[in-house]
Structure formats: structure tokens, C-alpha cells
N, C-alpha and C. Protein backbone atom coordinates (compact mmCIF):
# COMPACT_ATOMS: atom_id res chain seq x y z
N MET A 1 5.48 -46.43 -29.50
CA MET A 1 5.88 -45.15 -29.45
C MET A 1 7.25 -45.48 -28.55
N ALA A 2 8.66 -44.27 -29.54
CA ALA A 2 9.68 -44.32 -28.67
C ALA A 2 9.42 -43.95 -26.52
N GLU A 3 10.30 -44.11 -25.29
CA GLU A 3 9.48 -43.17 -24.65
C GLU A 3 10.79 -42.04 -24.65
N ASN A 4 11.10 -40.39 -24.37
CA ASN A 4 11.86 -39.44 -24.22
C ASN A 4 12.83 -39.93 -22.62
N THR A 5 13.44 -40.79 -22.70
CA THR A 5 14.36 -41.06 -21.01
C THR A 5 15.99 -40.09 -20.85
N THR A 6 15.76 -38.31 -21.91
CA THR A 6 17.13 -37.47 -21.35
C THR A 6 15.95 -37.20 -20.20
N ARG A 7 17.36 -36.89 -19.60
CA ARG A 7 16.54 -36.09 -18.00
C ARG A 7 16.23 -34.64 -18.26
N ARG A 8 15.54 -33.69 -18.20
CA ARG A 8 15.43 -32.28 -18.92
C ARG A 8 15.10 -31.62 -17.50
N MET A 9 15.82 -31.20 -16.29
CA MET A 9 15.88 -30.76 -14.96
C MET A 9 16.04 -29.01 -15.40
N CYS A 10 14.98 -28.85 -14.32
CA CYS A 10 15.07 -26.99 -14.54
C CYS A 10 16.70 -26.27 -13.98
N PHE A 11 16.87 -26.99 -13.01
CA PHE A 11 18.10 -26.75 -12.39
C PHE A 11 19.26 -27.53 -12.85
N ASN A 12 19.66 -27.58 -13.72
CA ASN A 12 20.69 -28.05 -14.88
C ASN A 12 21.69 -26.97 -15.11
N ILE A 13 22.37 -27.57 -14.68
CA ILE A 13 24.01 -26.21 -14.87
C ILE A 13 23.55 -25.48 -15.92
N ASN A 14 23.37 -26.16 -17.79
CA ASN A 14 22.42 -25.65 -18.34
C ASN A 14 21.70 -24.75 -17.98
N GLY A 15 20.70 -25.18 -16.87
CA GLY A 15 19.26 -24.53 -16.94
C GLY A 15 19.73 -23.62 -16.57
N LEU A 16 18.37 -23.04 -15.42
CA LEU A 16 18.50 -22.49 -14.64
C LEU A 16 19.51 -21.83 -13.01
N LEU A 17 20.27 -23.00 -13.09
CA LEU A 17 21.61 -22.55 -11.99
C LEU A 17 22.36 -22.61 -12.83
N GLY A 18 22.63 -22.34 -13.64
CA GLY A 18 23.74 -21.51 -14.59
C GLY A 18 23.12 -20.61 -15.09
N GLY A 19 22.31 -20.35 -15.14
CA GLY A 19 21.92 -18.71 -15.36
C GLY A 19 21.89 -17.60 -14.64
N ILE A 20 22.13 -18.35 -13.82
CA ILE A 20 22.41 -17.81 -11.96
C ILE A 20 23.55 -17.38 -11.81
N LEU A 21 24.42 -18.20 -11.37
CA LEU A 21 25.66 -18.27 -11.50
C LEU A 21 26.30 -17.59 -12.32
N ALA A 22 25.46 -17.71 -13.75
CA ALA A 22 26.17 -16.05 -14.21
C ALA A 22 26.14 -15.01 -14.32
N THR A 23 24.72 -14.60 -13.68
CA THR A 23 24.35 -13.26 -13.09
C THR A 23 25.26 -13.14 -11.80
N VAL A 24 25.38 -14.12 -11.20
CA VAL A 24 26.12 -13.84 -9.84
C VAL A 24 27.97 -13.08 -10.19
N LEU A 25 28.15 -14.12 -10.85
CA LEU A 25 29.89 -13.84 -11.66
C LEU A 25 29.97 -12.99 -12.05
N LEU A 26 29.14 -12.00 -12.94
CA LEU A 26 29.09 -11.65 -13.45
C LEU A 26 29.43 -9.56 -12.54
N LEU A 27 27.86 -9.70 -11.83
CA LEU A 27 28.11 -8.88 -10.71
C LEU A 27 28.97 -8.75 -10.46
N SER A 28 29.59 -10.21 -9.47
CA SER A 28 30.69 -9.91 -8.06
C SER A 28 31.98 -9.34 -8.96
N ILE A 29 32.14 -9.65 -10.47
CA ILE A 29 32.84 -8.74 -11.04
C ILE A 29 32.96 -7.54 -11.28
N LEU A 30 31.77 -6.99 -11.51
CA LEU A 30 31.29 -5.12 -11.28
C LEU A 30 31.35 -4.41 -10.37
N VAL A 31 30.71 -5.23 -9.15
CA VAL A 31 30.85 -4.35 -7.62
C VAL A 31 32.57 -4.59 -7.45
N TYR A 32 33.46 -5.35 -7.49
CA TYR A 32 35.00 -6.04 -7.63
C TYR A 32 35.76 -4.70 -8.39
N LEU A 33 35.29 -4.55 -9.74
CA LEU A 33 35.97 -3.33 -10.37
C LEU A 33 35.11 -1.44 -10.01
N THR A 34 34.05 -1.53 -9.11
CA THR A 34 33.99 -0.80 -9.59
C THR A 34 34.27 0.00 -7.88
N ILE A 35 34.33 -0.94 -7.09
CA ILE A 35 34.98 -0.62 -5.36
C ILE A 35 36.85 0.29 -5.97
N GLN A 36 37.16 -0.73 -7.18
CA GLN A 36 38.56 -0.28 -6.87
C GLN A 36 38.45 1.01 -8.38
N ALA A 37 37.89 1.70 -9.29
CA ALA A 37 37.40 1.99 -9.15
C ALA A 37 37.59 3.49 -8.21
N ILE A 38 36.89 3.11 -7.68
CA ILE A 38 36.15 4.25 -6.52
C ILE A 38 37.82 4.81 -5.42
N ALA A 39 38.26 3.45 -5.49
CA ALA A 39 39.57 3.76 -5.05
C ALA A 39 40.03 4.84 -6.01
N VAL A 40 41.00 4.48 -6.50
CA VAL A 40 41.71 5.35 -7.13
C VAL A 40 41.43 6.29 -8.17
N GLN A 41 39.96 6.87 -8.01
CA GLN A 41 39.97 7.78 -7.70
C GLN A 41 40.02 9.08 -6.74
N GLN A 42 39.38 8.17 -5.27
CA GLN A 42 39.79 9.12 -3.94
C GLN A 42 41.26 9.11 -3.78
N ALA A 43 42.02 7.98 -4.45
CA ALA A 43 43.51 8.79 -4.49
C ALA A 43 44.42 9.57 -4.75
N ASN A 44 43.11 9.85 -6.24
CA ASN A 44 43.84 11.05 -7.60
C ASN A 44 42.83 12.40 -7.24
N ALA A 45 41.77 11.89 -6.23
CA ALA A 45 41.53 13.66 -6.12
C ALA A 45 42.55 14.01 -4.70
N THR A 46 42.90 13.04 -4.43
CA THR A 46 43.69 14.09 -2.80
C THR A 46 44.99 14.25 -3.44
N THR A 47 45.65 14.36 -4.54
CA THR A 47 46.30 14.16 -5.44
C THR A 47 47.37 15.94 -5.83
N TYR A 48 47.81 16.42 -5.25
CA TYR A 48 47.26 18.08 -6.76
C TYR A 48 49.24 18.19 -7.24
N TYR A 49 48.96 18.81 -7.91
CA TYR A 49 50.36 18.70 -8.85
C TYR A 49 50.30 20.18 -9.11
N LYS A 50 51.90 20.70 -9.37
CA LYS A 50 52.02 21.81 -9.69
C LYS A 50 52.34 22.37 -10.92
N LEU A 51 52.31 22.99 -11.99
CA LEU A 51 53.31 22.83 -13.56
C LEU A 51 54.18 23.87 -12.93
N VAL A 52 55.74 23.46 -13.89
CA VAL A 52 57.02 23.86 -13.31
C VAL A 52 57.16 24.57 -15.13
N ASP A 53 57.39 25.75 -14.99
CA ASP A 53 58.27 25.73 -16.66
C ASP A 53 57.63 25.67 -17.14
N GLU A 54 55.56 26.44 -17.22
CA GLU A 54 55.00 25.64 -17.71
C GLU A 54 54.81 26.85 -19.82
N GLN A 55 55.60 27.65 -19.98
CA GLN A 55 56.08 28.11 -20.51
C GLN A 55 57.39 27.25 -21.83
N ASN A 56 57.29 27.24 -21.36
CA ASN A 56 58.46 25.18 -22.47
C ASN A 56 57.75 24.66 -22.12
N ILE A 57 56.08 23.99 -22.17
CA ILE A 57 55.25 22.62 -22.57
C ILE A 57 55.32 22.36 -23.97
N GLN A 58 55.29 21.80 -24.91
CA GLN A 58 55.50 21.72 -25.90
C GLN A 58 54.24 20.72 -26.38
N THR A 59 52.70 20.98 -27.35
CA THR A 59 51.67 20.10 -27.88
C THR A 59 52.02 18.84 -27.80
N ILE A 60 52.48 18.31 -28.20
CA ILE A 60 52.97 17.08 -29.10
C ILE A 60 54.70 16.88 -28.33
N SER A 61 55.04 15.91 -26.99
CA SER A 61 55.88 15.52 -26.35
C SER A 61 56.20 14.68 -25.39
N LYS A 62 56.91 13.84 -25.54
CA LYS A 62 56.80 13.34 -24.70
C LYS A 62 57.22 13.22 -23.11
N ASP A 63 58.26 14.04 -23.24
CA ASP A 63 58.57 14.46 -22.38
C ASP A 63 58.13 15.96 -20.85
N ASN A 64 56.99 16.14 -21.54
CA ASN A 64 55.85 17.43 -20.78
C ASN A 64 55.61 16.00 -19.39
N TYR A 65 55.80 15.20 -19.16
CA TYR A 65 55.68 14.45 -17.95
C TYR A 65 56.88 15.46 -16.86
N LYS A 66 57.85 16.16 -16.80
CA LYS A 66 58.64 16.85 -16.43
C LYS A 66 58.35 17.71 -16.05
N HIS A 67 57.12 18.10 -16.66
CA HIS A 67 56.68 20.25 -16.53
C HIS A 67 56.00 19.48 -15.14
N TYR A 68 55.33 18.66 -14.76
CA TYR A 68 54.75 18.48 -14.13
C TYR A 68 54.86 17.65 -11.93
N GLN A 69 54.70 18.59 -10.97
CA GLN A 69 55.40 17.92 -9.29
C GLN A 69 54.18 17.55 -8.82
N ILE A 70 54.17 16.68 -7.91
CA ILE A 70 53.47 16.38 -7.20
C ILE A 70 53.52 16.99 -5.33
N VAL A 71 52.24 17.85 -5.04
CA VAL A 71 52.56 18.73 -3.78
C VAL A 71 52.30 17.99 -3.07
N LYS A 72 52.69 17.96 -2.01
CA LYS A 72 52.46 17.30 -0.60
C LYS A 72 52.46 18.30 0.16
């Protein structure tokens, strides 16, 4: 009977080590995106807007941004 000469290591890049690397990579991307989302939320939470001429705001219009002003 022929002996199986292929090496089947537990820590092969396709095995356990590959799974650990993929998990670490995905978790690091998740942490980075979470930190960026928190930073964006904190920046926008302290930005206040004021409505100007709210009687002329239309339901569907591309020019509605003109009715908002940032209050500093």
C-alpha cells in the first residue's frame, strides 16, 4: 500500500493559522471602522444647524441645503 507523503500540518496557512489571521484581520477592520464612526458622530453631535427661511423649503428639491446654516 502506498504511503501518504503529503504533509498535513495543523498550523498550515490554509488551516488554523489562516483562520486566526483572517479573524484578526476582520476584527482589526471592525475596530478601525468603529473608531472612525465614533469620531464622525462626535464631530456631528457638536455641530448645530439653524434653519433659514423655513417657509420656502420644498419637499423634493436639490436646493434645500441653502436653508441650513452652521451655527458656530
